[in-house]
Amino acid sequence: MVSLKRPRTQAGQGLAEYALILGLIAIAAIASLLFMGGMITNLLSAIGVSL
């Protein structure tokens, strides 16, 4: 009989890969907010003044 379950090491590896991807996305989001934070603030201020 063939077992269709993945060994534990592969399941843990998949979880680690998802955690790394999530970490990279978080770093990219923080970096983009740091670089474009001033532009976003000016844009929201302009929208608020026009309302």
C-alpha atoms as a PDB file:
ATOM      1  CA  MET A   1       0.000   0.000   0.000  1.00  0.00           C
ATOM      2  CA  VAL A   2       1.348   3.444  -0.914  1.00  0.00           C
ATOM      3  CA  SER A   3       1.187   6.191   1.693  1.00  0.00           C
ATOM      4  CA  LEU A   4       0.064   9.579   0.370  1.00  0.00           C
ATOM      5  CA  LYS A   5       1.094  11.488   3.493  1.00  0.00           C
ATOM      6  CA  ARG A   6       4.146  13.702   3.275  1.00  0.00           C
ATOM      7  CA  PRO A   7       6.884  13.113   5.786  1.00  0.00           C
ATOM      8  CA  ARG A   8       7.056  15.618   8.647  1.00  0.00           C
ATOM      9  CA  THR A   9      10.218  17.234   7.342  1.00  0.00           C
ATOM     10  CA  GLN A  10       8.507  18.267   4.108  1.00  0.00           C
ATOM     11  CA  ALA A  11       5.512  19.703   5.959  1.00  0.00           C
ATOM     12  CA  GLY A  12       7.823  21.718   8.206  1.00  0.00           C
ATOM     13  CA  GLN A  13       9.798  22.868   5.186  1.00  0.00           C
ATOM     14  CA  GLY A  14       6.628  24.196   3.545  1.00  0.00           C
ATOM     15  CA  LEU A  15       5.736  26.115   6.680  1.00  0.00           C
ATOM     16  CA  ALA A  16       9.222  27.633   6.811  1.00  0.00           C
ATOM     17  CA  GLU A  17       8.960  28.684   3.163  1.00  0.00           C
ATOM     18  CA  TYR A  18       5.626  30.409   3.793  1.00  0.00           C
ATOM     19  CA  ALA A  19       7.108  32.197   6.807  1.00  0.00           C
ATOM     20  CA  LEU A  20      10.062  33.426   4.715  1.00  0.00           C
ATOM     21  CA  ILE A  21       7.772  34.691   1.966  1.00  0.00           C
ATOM     22  CA  LEU A  22       5.575  36.470   4.526  1.00  0.00           C
ATOM     23  CA  GLY A  23       8.655  38.047   6.090  1.00  0.00           C
ATOM     24  CA  LEU A  24       9.910  39.303   2.723  1.00  0.00           C
ATOM     25  CA  ILE A  25       6.508  40.797   1.914  1.00  0.00           C
ATOM     26  CA  ALA A  26       6.442  42.551   5.304  1.00  0.00           C
ATOM     27  CA  ILE A  27       9.946  43.977   4.746  1.00  0.00           C
ATOM     28  CA  ALA A  28       8.972  45.200   1.270  1.00  0.00           C
ATOM     29  CA  ALA A  29       5.811  46.854   2.632  1.00  0.00           C
ATOM     30  CA  ILE A  30       7.700  48.621   5.416  1.00  0.00           C
ATOM     31  CA  ALA A  31      10.427  49.781   3.022  1.00  0.00           C
ATOM     32  CA  SER A  32       7.886  51.152   0.549  1.00  0.00           C
ATOM     33  CA  LEU A  33       6.084  53.040   3.324  1.00  0.00           C
ATOM     34  CA  LEU A  34       9.373  54.533   4.524  1.00  0.00           C
ATOM     35  CA  PHE A  35      10.342  55.707   1.038  1.00  0.00           C
ATOM     36  CA  MET A  36       6.904  56.905  -0.060  1.00  0.00           C
ATOM     37  CA  GLY A  37       5.495  57.995   3.313  1.00  0.00           C
ATOM     38  CA  GLY A  38       5.892  61.701   2.564  1.00  0.00           C
ATOM     39  CA  MET A  39       4.171  61.400  -0.796  1.00  0.00           C
ATOM     40  CA  ILE A  40       1.269  59.507   0.759  1.00  0.00           C
ATOM     41  CA  THR A  41       0.914  62.101   3.530  1.00  0.00           C
ATOM     42  CA  ASN A  42       0.864  64.970   0.990  1.00  0.00           C
ATOM     43  CA  LEU A  43      -1.680  63.157  -1.155  1.00  0.00           C
ATOM     44  CA  LEU A  44      -4.019  62.480   1.769  1.00  0.00           C
ATOM     45  CA  SER A  45      -3.644  66.086   2.966  1.00  0.00           C
ATOM     46  CA  ALA A  46      -4.561  67.392  -0.475  1.00  0.00           C
ATOM     47  CA  ILE A  47      -7.605  65.138  -0.585  1.00  0.00           C
ATOM     48  CA  GLY A  48      -8.664  66.287   2.892  1.00  0.00           C
ATOM     49  CA  VAL A  49      -8.292  69.975   1.990  1.00  0.00           C
ATOM     50  CA  SER A  50     -10.290  69.567  -1.214  1.00  0.00           C
ATOM     51  CA  LEU A  51     -13.177  67.990   0.686  1.00  0.00           C
END
